Amino acid sequence: MNDDFFLGWLARECRFQASVHFAPRTRIGYRIARRVIVTPKDEPQLNMWLSTQGITARVVKDKEQIMQIIRILAPIKQYVKDVNGMSKMLKLLEVNKRRASHQDILDAIELIE
């Protein structure tokens, strides 16, 4: 099987999720959680192909690996099933989680809803 097959598979299965959680111990009281679910169930062939692309987990929370998934999907953006989630994730990746202001958190909440 070639890369096009796996790329289409990834575009169909990949889901981007972001949420804002109450975190009273943080400076502003909230935290932004970002994750990408590559596939809902374990798919060994897709996971092996993704490992050649630098993605090592089925549920990705690392900012660099999330960016890698977005880079992989960029050429076929119009075929990504969760394209709205992908564009929101791109905007949320710009928010620095450690230096987020209250306004940044409010903007993130608006993006998520």
Protein backbone atom coordinates (compact mmCIF):
# COMPACT_ATOMS: atom_id res chain seq x y z
CA MET A 1 0.00 0.00 0.00
CA ASN A 2 1.25 3.49 -0.74
CA ASP A 3 1.18 6.76 1.19
CA ASP A 4 -1.95 8.02 -0.60
CA PHE A 5 -4.04 5.21 0.85
CA PHE A 6 -2.89 5.92 4.41
CA LEU A 7 -3.21 9.66 3.92
CA GLY A 8 -6.85 9.22 2.90
CA TRP A 9 -7.42 6.90 5.83
CA LEU A 10 -5.95 9.46 8.22
CA ALA A 11 -8.07 12.26 6.71
CA ARG A 12 -11.23 10.21 7.25
CA GLU A 13 -10.47 9.02 10.80
CA CYS A 14 -8.58 11.91 12.45
CA ARG A 15 -10.50 14.06 14.99
CA PHE A 16 -9.27 17.27 16.59
CA GLN A 17 -10.47 18.07 20.11
CA ALA A 18 -9.88 21.05 22.34
CA SER A 19 -11.38 22.04 25.64
CA VAL A 20 -10.98 24.55 28.42
CA HIS A 21 -10.95 23.20 31.97
CA PHE A 22 -11.30 24.88 35.34
CA ALA A 23 -7.91 24.68 37.08
CA PRO A 24 -7.90 26.60 40.37
CA ARG A 25 -4.18 26.02 41.00
CA THR A 26 -3.10 27.80 37.83
CA ARG A 27 -2.40 31.52 37.63
CA ILE A 28 -5.58 32.36 35.69
CA GLY A 29 -7.76 29.47 36.86
CA TYR A 30 -8.17 27.70 33.52
CA ARG A 31 -6.18 25.39 31.29
CA ILE A 32 -6.47 24.57 27.61
CA ALA A 33 -6.38 20.89 26.69
CA ARG A 34 -5.59 19.95 23.08
CA ARG A 35 -5.59 16.48 21.61
CA VAL A 36 -5.90 14.69 18.32
CA ILE A 37 -7.45 11.26 18.11
CA VAL A 38 -5.79 9.71 15.10
CA THR A 39 -8.23 6.81 14.91
CA PRO A 40 -11.08 5.76 17.22
CA LYS A 41 -9.87 2.17 17.45
CA ASP A 42 -6.45 0.60 17.19
CA GLU A 43 -5.44 0.20 13.55
CA PRO A 44 -2.01 -1.48 13.39
CA GLN A 45 -1.32 -0.73 9.71
CA LEU A 46 -2.20 2.96 10.05
CA ASN A 47 -0.19 3.21 13.28
CA MET A 48 2.85 1.65 11.57
CA TRP A 49 2.61 4.14 8.71
CA LEU A 50 2.22 7.02 11.16
CA SER A 51 5.33 5.90 13.03
CA THR A 52 7.29 6.40 9.80
CA GLN A 53 5.90 9.94 9.76
CA GLY A 54 6.98 10.65 13.36
CA ILE A 55 3.62 10.10 15.10
CA THR A 56 3.98 7.55 17.89
CA ALA A 57 0.58 7.50 19.62
CA ARG A 58 -3.06 7.01 18.71
CA VAL A 59 -4.11 9.92 20.94
CA VAL A 60 -1.70 12.82 20.46
CA LYS A 61 -1.38 15.63 23.01
CA ASP A 62 2.11 16.89 22.22
CA LYS A 63 2.10 20.23 20.38
CA GLU A 64 4.88 19.21 17.97
CA GLN A 65 3.18 15.95 17.03
CA ILE A 66 -0.15 17.75 16.55
CA MET A 67 1.61 20.16 14.20
CA GLN A 68 3.14 17.18 12.39
CA ILE A 69 -0.32 15.68 11.84
CA ILE A 70 -1.57 19.01 10.49
CA ARG A 71 1.48 19.21 8.16
CA ILE A 72 0.77 15.68 6.91
CA LEU A 73 -2.89 16.56 6.22
CA ALA A 74 -2.20 20.01 4.71
CA PRO A 75 -1.99 18.87 1.05
CA ILE A 76 -5.43 17.25 1.26
CA LYS A 77 -7.08 19.72 3.63
CA GLN A 78 -10.30 19.78 1.59
CA TYR A 79 -10.76 16.02 2.15
CA VAL A 80 -10.26 16.03 5.93
CA LYS A 81 -13.54 15.04 7.58
CA ASP A 82 -12.93 17.23 10.65
CA VAL A 83 -11.60 20.26 8.75
CA ASN A 84 -13.35 22.68 11.14
CA GLY A 85 -11.67 21.03 14.12
CA MET A 86 -8.34 21.19 12.30
CA SER A 87 -8.63 24.92 11.63
CA LYS A 88 -9.67 25.59 15.25
CA MET A 89 -6.72 23.53 16.45
CA LEU A 90 -4.36 25.64 14.36
CA LYS A 91 -5.68 28.77 16.06
CA LEU A 92 -5.47 27.17 19.52
CA LEU A 93 -1.88 26.08 18.96
CA GLU A 94 -0.95 29.75 18.77
CA VAL A 95 -2.14 30.27 22.36
CA ASN A 96 0.71 29.82 24.82
CA LYS A 97 -0.78 27.67 27.58
CA ARG A 98 1.62 28.95 30.24
CA ARG A 99 1.24 32.63 29.42
CA ALA A 100 -2.41 32.73 28.46
CA SER A 101 -4.27 35.79 29.62
CA HIS A 102 -7.89 35.82 30.66
CA GLN A 103 -8.81 37.23 27.23
CA ASP A 104 -6.87 34.42 25.52
CA ILE A 105 -8.92 31.89 27.47
CA LEU A 106 -12.18 33.63 26.56
CA ASP A 107 -11.15 33.63 22.89
CA ALA A 108 -10.30 29.91 23.14
CA ILE A 109 -13.71 29.19 24.66
CA GLU A 110 -15.38 31.00 21.74
CA LEU A 111 -13.37 28.92 19.28
CA ILE A 112 -14.37 25.68 20.95
CA GLU A 113 -18.08 26.40 21.21
